[in-house]
Structure formats: structure tokens, C-alpha cells
Amino acid sequence: LEIGVERIRERTRWLADDLARKVVERGWTLRSPLDGAQRSSIVLLELDRPDELVSALSQRGIVVDFRPGLLRISPSFFNTVEENDLILAALDELIAARGANGGGKAGAPPKRRAAQGRSARPRKS
């Protein structure tokens, strides 16, 4: 905590902002608010079969999580912009492979839609 909670918060929000912006640029559906002031450092992407993506990313040493229909990425203080780019490049490859292997529409990310304000899906406890 030598660095300070506020600096840690700024850093994680900055990384999440970078990630969210790049998700939207790819045309993927962002289920977290685009405005960093309205969200935590958790970035939710609406992608088909996120559990399979979590498993495949884990095999590459990338730790993420999922909720039903959502891939959950949580950049932390120690992550870098380059690591954001690595996650997105890995997702690009995995999603493209789904299409090449007959994954069809199920392998493609849904249409672009950035949530405004709070996430459009209610939280489950």
C-alpha cells in the first residue's frame, strides 16, 4: 500500500479504459459501461461460449473468468497495456478458429453495443 489506494485505482481504471476502448474498436459487445467513471476495473464482453474461451486462454497463461454469456477481464495494478493487447490478440485467434472449425455464428462476437451507465444485465448474488 506504499503506492496508495488512489494510484492503484487510477492505474486499474486506466488499464480497463484501454481494454474497453479496444473491445469497442473491434466491434465486440461491451457489457460494462464505456465510461470508466461509471464502472470498476472489470470489463465484461458478451461472447458466445465464454467458458470455452476461459479454458483456452488459461492454456495460454491468461487468467480471466466468465459469467453466463460474458467473458470477465479484470486488469490489475501490475498488468500492462501490452498484456491487454495479448488478451485481445488471443481472443481474435480463438474466435477466428471457431469460425474455421465450423463454429459459424456461435464463434463470432455479437454485434457492437456499448452499455450506457450500469450493465444492462442485473447482477446475480
Protein backbone atom coordinates (compact mmCIF):
# COMPACT_ATOMS: atom_id res chain seq x y z
CA LEU A 1 0.00 0.00 0.00
CA GLU A 2 3.07 2.19 -0.23
CA ILE A 3 1.81 3.35 -3.63
CA GLY A 4 -1.60 4.32 -2.28
CA VAL A 5 -5.11 3.17 -2.95
CA GLU A 6 -5.95 6.12 -5.19
CA ARG A 7 -2.98 5.48 -7.51
CA ILE A 8 -3.88 1.80 -7.70
CA ARG A 9 -7.48 2.72 -8.57
CA GLU A 10 -6.30 5.17 -11.25
CA ARG A 11 -3.98 2.59 -12.78
CA THR A 12 -6.56 -0.21 -12.91
CA ARG A 13 -9.21 2.14 -14.32
CA TRP A 14 -6.76 3.37 -16.96
CA LEU A 15 -5.99 -0.23 -18.00
CA ALA A 16 -9.70 -1.11 -18.05
CA ASP A 17 -10.43 2.02 -20.14
CA ASP A 18 -7.76 0.94 -22.63
CA LEU A 19 -9.22 -2.56 -22.81
CA ALA A 20 -12.83 -1.35 -23.14
CA ARG A 21 -11.89 1.09 -25.92
CA LYS A 22 -10.11 -1.65 -27.88
CA VAL A 23 -13.04 -4.04 -27.42
CA VAL A 24 -15.41 -1.46 -28.90
CA GLU A 25 -12.96 -0.75 -31.77
CA ARG A 26 -13.16 -4.47 -32.66
CA GLY A 27 -16.94 -4.22 -32.84
CA TRP A 28 -17.46 -6.59 -29.92
CA THR A 29 -20.26 -6.10 -27.43
CA LEU A 30 -19.07 -4.41 -24.26
CA ARG A 31 -21.43 -5.13 -21.36
CA SER A 32 -19.67 -2.77 -18.95
CA PRO A 33 -20.11 0.99 -19.10
CA LEU A 34 -17.62 2.54 -21.53
CA ASP A 35 -17.17 5.49 -19.16
CA GLY A 36 -14.58 4.46 -16.61
CA ALA A 37 -16.13 6.75 -14.02
CA GLN A 38 -19.23 4.54 -14.09
CA ARG A 39 -17.55 1.14 -13.74
CA SER A 40 -14.92 -0.73 -11.81
CA SER A 41 -11.84 -2.17 -13.49
CA ILE A 42 -13.90 -5.21 -14.54
CA VAL A 43 -14.53 -5.39 -18.28
CA LEU A 44 -17.34 -7.67 -19.47
CA LEU A 45 -17.55 -8.82 -23.08
CA GLU A 46 -20.62 -10.54 -24.46
CA LEU A 47 -19.21 -13.54 -26.33
CA ASP A 48 -20.63 -16.94 -27.14
CA ARG A 49 -19.43 -19.87 -25.04
CA PRO A 50 -17.23 -17.81 -22.70
CA ASP A 51 -16.42 -20.88 -20.60
CA GLU A 52 -14.56 -22.36 -23.59
CA LEU A 53 -12.66 -19.10 -24.06
CA VAL A 54 -11.64 -19.06 -20.38
CA SER A 55 -10.27 -22.59 -20.73
CA ALA A 56 -8.38 -21.81 -23.95
CA LEU A 57 -6.96 -18.57 -22.54
CA SER A 58 -5.89 -20.40 -19.38
CA GLN A 59 -3.86 -22.80 -21.53
CA ARG A 60 -2.02 -19.70 -22.80
CA GLY A 61 -1.35 -18.47 -19.27
CA ILE A 62 -4.07 -15.80 -19.40
CA VAL A 63 -6.33 -15.71 -16.35
CA VAL A 64 -9.87 -14.44 -16.95
CA ASP A 65 -13.29 -15.61 -15.79
CA PHE A 66 -16.82 -15.87 -17.13
CA ARG A 67 -20.43 -15.38 -16.21
CA PRO A 68 -23.30 -16.74 -18.32
CA GLY A 69 -22.75 -15.26 -21.79
CA LEU A 70 -19.98 -12.95 -20.60
CA LEU A 71 -16.20 -13.04 -20.56
CA ARG A 72 -14.86 -11.17 -17.50
CA ILE A 73 -11.47 -9.49 -17.72
CA SER A 74 -10.12 -7.65 -14.68
CA PRO A 75 -6.86 -5.79 -15.27
CA SER A 76 -4.95 -5.23 -12.05
CA PHE A 77 -2.30 -2.75 -10.98
CA PHE A 78 0.54 -4.96 -12.18
CA ASN A 79 -0.85 -5.59 -15.68
CA THR A 80 0.26 -3.63 -18.74
CA VAL A 81 -1.27 -2.26 -21.93
CA GLU A 82 0.80 -4.87 -23.77
CA GLU A 83 -0.95 -7.59 -21.77
CA ASN A 84 -4.31 -6.09 -22.75
CA ASP A 85 -3.18 -6.40 -26.36
CA LEU A 86 -2.09 -10.02 -25.78
CA ILE A 87 -5.51 -10.94 -24.39
CA LEU A 88 -7.27 -9.34 -27.35
CA ALA A 89 -4.94 -10.97 -29.87
CA ALA A 90 -5.56 -14.35 -28.24
CA LEU A 91 -9.32 -13.76 -28.40
CA ASP A 92 -9.00 -12.76 -32.08
CA GLU A 93 -7.27 -16.08 -32.78
CA LEU A 94 -9.68 -18.20 -30.75
CA ILE A 95 -12.76 -16.62 -32.28
CA ALA A 96 -11.32 -16.94 -35.79
CA ALA A 97 -10.54 -20.62 -35.11
CA ARG A 98 -14.14 -21.20 -34.09
CA GLY A 99 -15.27 -19.92 -37.47
CA ALA A 100 -12.69 -22.02 -39.33
CA ASN A 101 -13.73 -25.14 -37.42
CA GLY A 102 -17.40 -24.85 -38.30
CA GLY A 103 -18.20 -22.74 -35.26
CA GLY A 104 -20.20 -20.46 -37.50
CA LYS A 105 -22.18 -17.73 -35.87
CA ALA A 106 -21.68 -19.23 -32.42
CA GLY A 107 -17.98 -18.45 -32.69
CA ALA A 108 -18.38 -14.83 -33.65
CA PRO A 109 -18.81 -11.99 -31.20
CA PRO A 110 -22.28 -10.43 -31.20
CA LYS A 111 -22.89 -7.03 -32.79
CA ARG A 112 -21.27 -3.99 -31.24
CA ARG A 113 -23.15 -2.41 -28.36
CA ALA A 114 -21.62 -0.44 -25.53
CA ALA A 115 -23.71 -0.35 -22.39
CA GLN A 116 -24.55 3.08 -21.09
CA GLY A 117 -24.41 3.61 -17.36
CA ARG A 118 -24.69 0.39 -15.43
CA SER A 119 -24.52 -3.03 -17.02
CA ALA A 120 -27.75 -3.91 -18.81
CA ARG A 121 -27.87 -7.29 -17.05
CA PRO A 122 -28.78 -7.41 -13.38
CA ARG A 123 -26.15 -8.71 -11.02
CA LYS A 124 -26.66 -12.13 -9.55
CA SER A 125 -25.66 -12.75 -5.97
